[in-house]
Protein backbone atom coordinates (compact mmCIF):
# COMPACT_ATOMS: atom_id res chain seq x y z
CA MET A 1 23.38 13.44 -51.63
CA THR A 2 22.06 14.25 -48.55
CA ALA A 3 18.30 14.21 -46.98
CA SER A 4 16.80 17.11 -46.06
CA PRO A 5 15.62 17.23 -42.46
CA ARG A 6 12.13 16.82 -43.69
CA PHE A 7 11.36 15.38 -47.07
CA GLY A 8 9.69 17.74 -48.96
CA SER A 9 10.43 20.62 -47.15
CA ARG A 10 12.43 24.01 -48.13
CA ARG A 11 12.17 25.23 -44.74
CA ALA A 12 15.15 25.51 -42.36
CA PRO A 13 14.83 22.72 -39.26
CA PHE A 14 13.79 24.32 -35.87
CA ASP A 15 16.17 25.39 -33.83
CA ALA A 16 15.22 25.05 -30.09
CA PRO A 17 18.88 26.76 -28.47
CA LEU A 18 18.05 29.78 -30.52
CA PHE A 19 15.00 29.77 -29.95
CA LEU A 20 15.51 29.58 -25.93
CA ARG A 21 18.32 31.91 -26.43
CA ARG A 22 15.72 34.43 -27.82
CA LEU A 23 12.83 33.64 -25.43
CA TYR A 24 12.63 37.28 -24.19
CA LEU A 25 11.46 38.04 -27.82
CA GLN A 26 8.44 35.80 -27.31
CA PRO A 27 4.82 37.37 -26.33
CA ALA A 28 4.19 33.93 -24.09
CA ALA A 29 7.29 34.68 -21.89
CA LEU A 30 6.52 38.15 -21.30
CA TRP A 31 2.85 38.06 -20.40
CA LEU A 32 3.46 35.18 -18.30
CA ALA A 33 5.89 37.30 -16.46
CA LEU A 34 3.07 40.31 -16.46
CA GLU A 35 0.49 37.92 -14.95
CA ALA A 36 2.99 36.52 -12.57
CA LEU A 37 2.92 40.50 -10.88
CA THR A 38 -0.75 40.91 -11.38
CA ALA A 39 -0.56 40.88 -6.78
CA PRO A 40 2.35 42.83 -6.58
CA VAL A 41 0.94 45.93 -8.75
CA ALA A 42 -2.56 45.48 -7.46
CA ARG A 43 -1.24 46.12 -3.87
CA ALA A 44 0.79 49.08 -5.07
CA VAL A 45 -2.33 50.65 -6.56
CA PRO A 46 -3.89 52.38 -3.65
CA GLY A 47 -0.51 54.04 -2.67
CA ALA A 48 -0.15 55.14 -6.29
CA LEU A 49 -3.53 56.55 -6.52
CA ARG A 50 -3.17 58.26 -2.61
CA ALA A 51 -6.03 56.46 -1.26
CA SER A 52 -6.37 57.49 2.47
CA CYS A 53 -9.07 54.13 2.92
CA ALA A 54 -7.83 51.53 5.19
CA GLY A 55 -9.62 48.04 5.85
CA PRO A 56 -12.48 46.87 3.82
CA ALA A 57 -12.40 49.65 1.16
CA ARG A 58 -8.54 49.24 0.50
CA ASP A 59 -8.92 45.47 -0.09
CA GLY A 60 -11.41 46.44 -2.25
CA LEU A 61 -9.59 48.95 -3.96
CA VAL A 62 -6.86 45.98 -4.56
CA ALA A 63 -9.46 43.92 -5.81
CA ALA A 64 -10.81 46.08 -7.91
CA ALA A 65 -6.86 46.79 -9.27
CA THR A 66 -6.66 43.29 -9.99
CA VAL A 67 -10.27 43.01 -12.10
CA VAL A 68 -8.89 45.83 -14.51
CA TYR A 69 -5.41 44.57 -14.35
CA ILE A 70 -5.54 40.86 -15.67
CA PRO A 71 -7.51 41.27 -18.75
CA LEU A 72 -6.07 44.57 -19.64
CA VAL A 73 -2.50 45.43 -18.94
CA PRO A 74 -0.56 42.48 -19.91
CA ALA A 75 -2.26 42.66 -23.20
CA LEU A 76 -1.65 46.20 -24.11
CA ILE A 77 2.23 45.70 -23.34
CA VAL A 78 2.39 42.65 -25.24
CA VAL A 79 0.69 44.39 -28.04
CA ALA A 80 3.21 47.16 -28.10
CA TYR A 81 6.28 44.91 -27.22
CA HIS A 82 5.68 42.24 -29.82
CA LEU A 83 4.52 44.89 -32.68
CA GLY A 84 7.19 47.45 -31.65
CA PHE A 85 10.27 45.69 -30.98
CA ALA A 86 10.14 41.98 -30.87
CA ARG A 87 8.71 40.70 -33.83
CA ARG A 88 11.13 42.42 -36.40
CA ARG A 89 14.08 40.96 -34.01
CA LEU A 90 13.02 37.17 -35.05
CA GLU A 91 15.18 36.28 -38.11
CA HIS A 92 13.82 32.65 -37.75
CA ALA A 93 10.91 32.12 -40.18
CA ALA A 94 9.56 29.31 -37.24
CA HIS A 95 10.43 31.36 -34.35
CA ARG A 96 8.27 34.71 -35.91
CA TRP A 97 5.59 31.71 -36.62
CA VAL A 98 5.44 30.60 -33.03
CA ALA A 99 5.48 33.97 -31.35
CA ASP A 100 2.61 35.39 -34.15
CA LEU A 101 0.41 32.01 -32.78
CA SER A 102 1.12 32.67 -29.25
CA PHE A 103 0.59 36.65 -29.78
CA SER A 104 -3.11 35.87 -31.75
CA LEU A 105 -4.04 33.44 -28.32
CA LEU A 106 -3.10 35.77 -26.11
CA LEU A 107 -5.37 38.22 -27.65
CA ALA A 108 -8.07 36.36 -28.20
CA VAL A 109 -7.93 34.89 -24.11
CA SER A 110 -7.56 38.45 -23.27
CA ALA A 111 -9.97 39.83 -25.47
CA ALA A 112 -12.92 36.97 -24.36
CA ASN A 113 -11.86 37.83 -20.49
CA ALA A 114 -12.30 41.19 -20.92
CA ALA A 115 -15.54 40.39 -22.51
CA ILE A 116 -16.69 38.20 -19.83
CA LEU A 117 -16.07 40.56 -17.14
CA LEU A 118 -17.80 43.38 -18.94
CA SER A 119 -20.84 41.72 -19.02
CA GLN A 120 -20.26 40.58 -15.72
CA GLY A 121 -19.83 43.76 -14.53
CA SER A 122 -23.27 45.32 -16.49
CA ALA A 123 -25.65 42.38 -15.29
CA HIS A 124 -24.60 43.18 -11.44
CA TRP A 125 -23.96 47.06 -11.97
CA PRO A 126 -27.25 47.63 -9.71
CA THR A 127 -25.01 46.23 -7.14
CA LEU A 128 -21.76 47.26 -7.83
CA GLY A 129 -22.26 50.61 -8.60
CA PRO A 130 -23.18 52.10 -4.99
CA GLU A 131 -20.69 49.96 -3.60
CA LEU A 132 -18.02 51.48 -5.67
CA SER A 133 -19.33 54.81 -4.87
CA ALA A 134 -18.87 53.99 -1.22
CA MET A 135 -15.22 52.85 -1.67
CA ARG A 136 -14.58 56.48 -3.62
CA ALA A 137 -16.19 58.05 -0.97
CA ALA A 138 -14.13 56.11 1.97
CA CYS A 139 -10.75 56.20 0.00
CA TRP A 140 -10.92 59.34 -1.33
CA PRO A 141 -12.53 61.93 0.86
CA GLY A 142 -13.67 65.31 -0.43
CA ARG A 143 -13.79 64.52 -4.06
């Protein structure tokens, strides 16, 4: 008679080598990769938006793109990737449980970050509004 890996458990043991081979299906790995791309994406925003500003106005546009990118873009991409592609490809129940747990935590962190940024933005809007209008006038004259 052989003993089960976990006494009284019917679940299969966690397969670490398979987990590492399927790491690309885990939402946390994708989220970390997207967060590492924050600076390059933010620097590319003025060119993508065809902004004609330079100096402090361009730096402000890059900073604004960073503030918008961090809580929104990685979370939206992870939601689409995990729910549309990755979750159904995780056959091992323990791996799916880890993915679902990390997915829930990432959504909670992203929602908390977005809520904090929105509350701070609304509290400081009397200062931010004119600055954003000046940045818009400097980067897109004639609009």
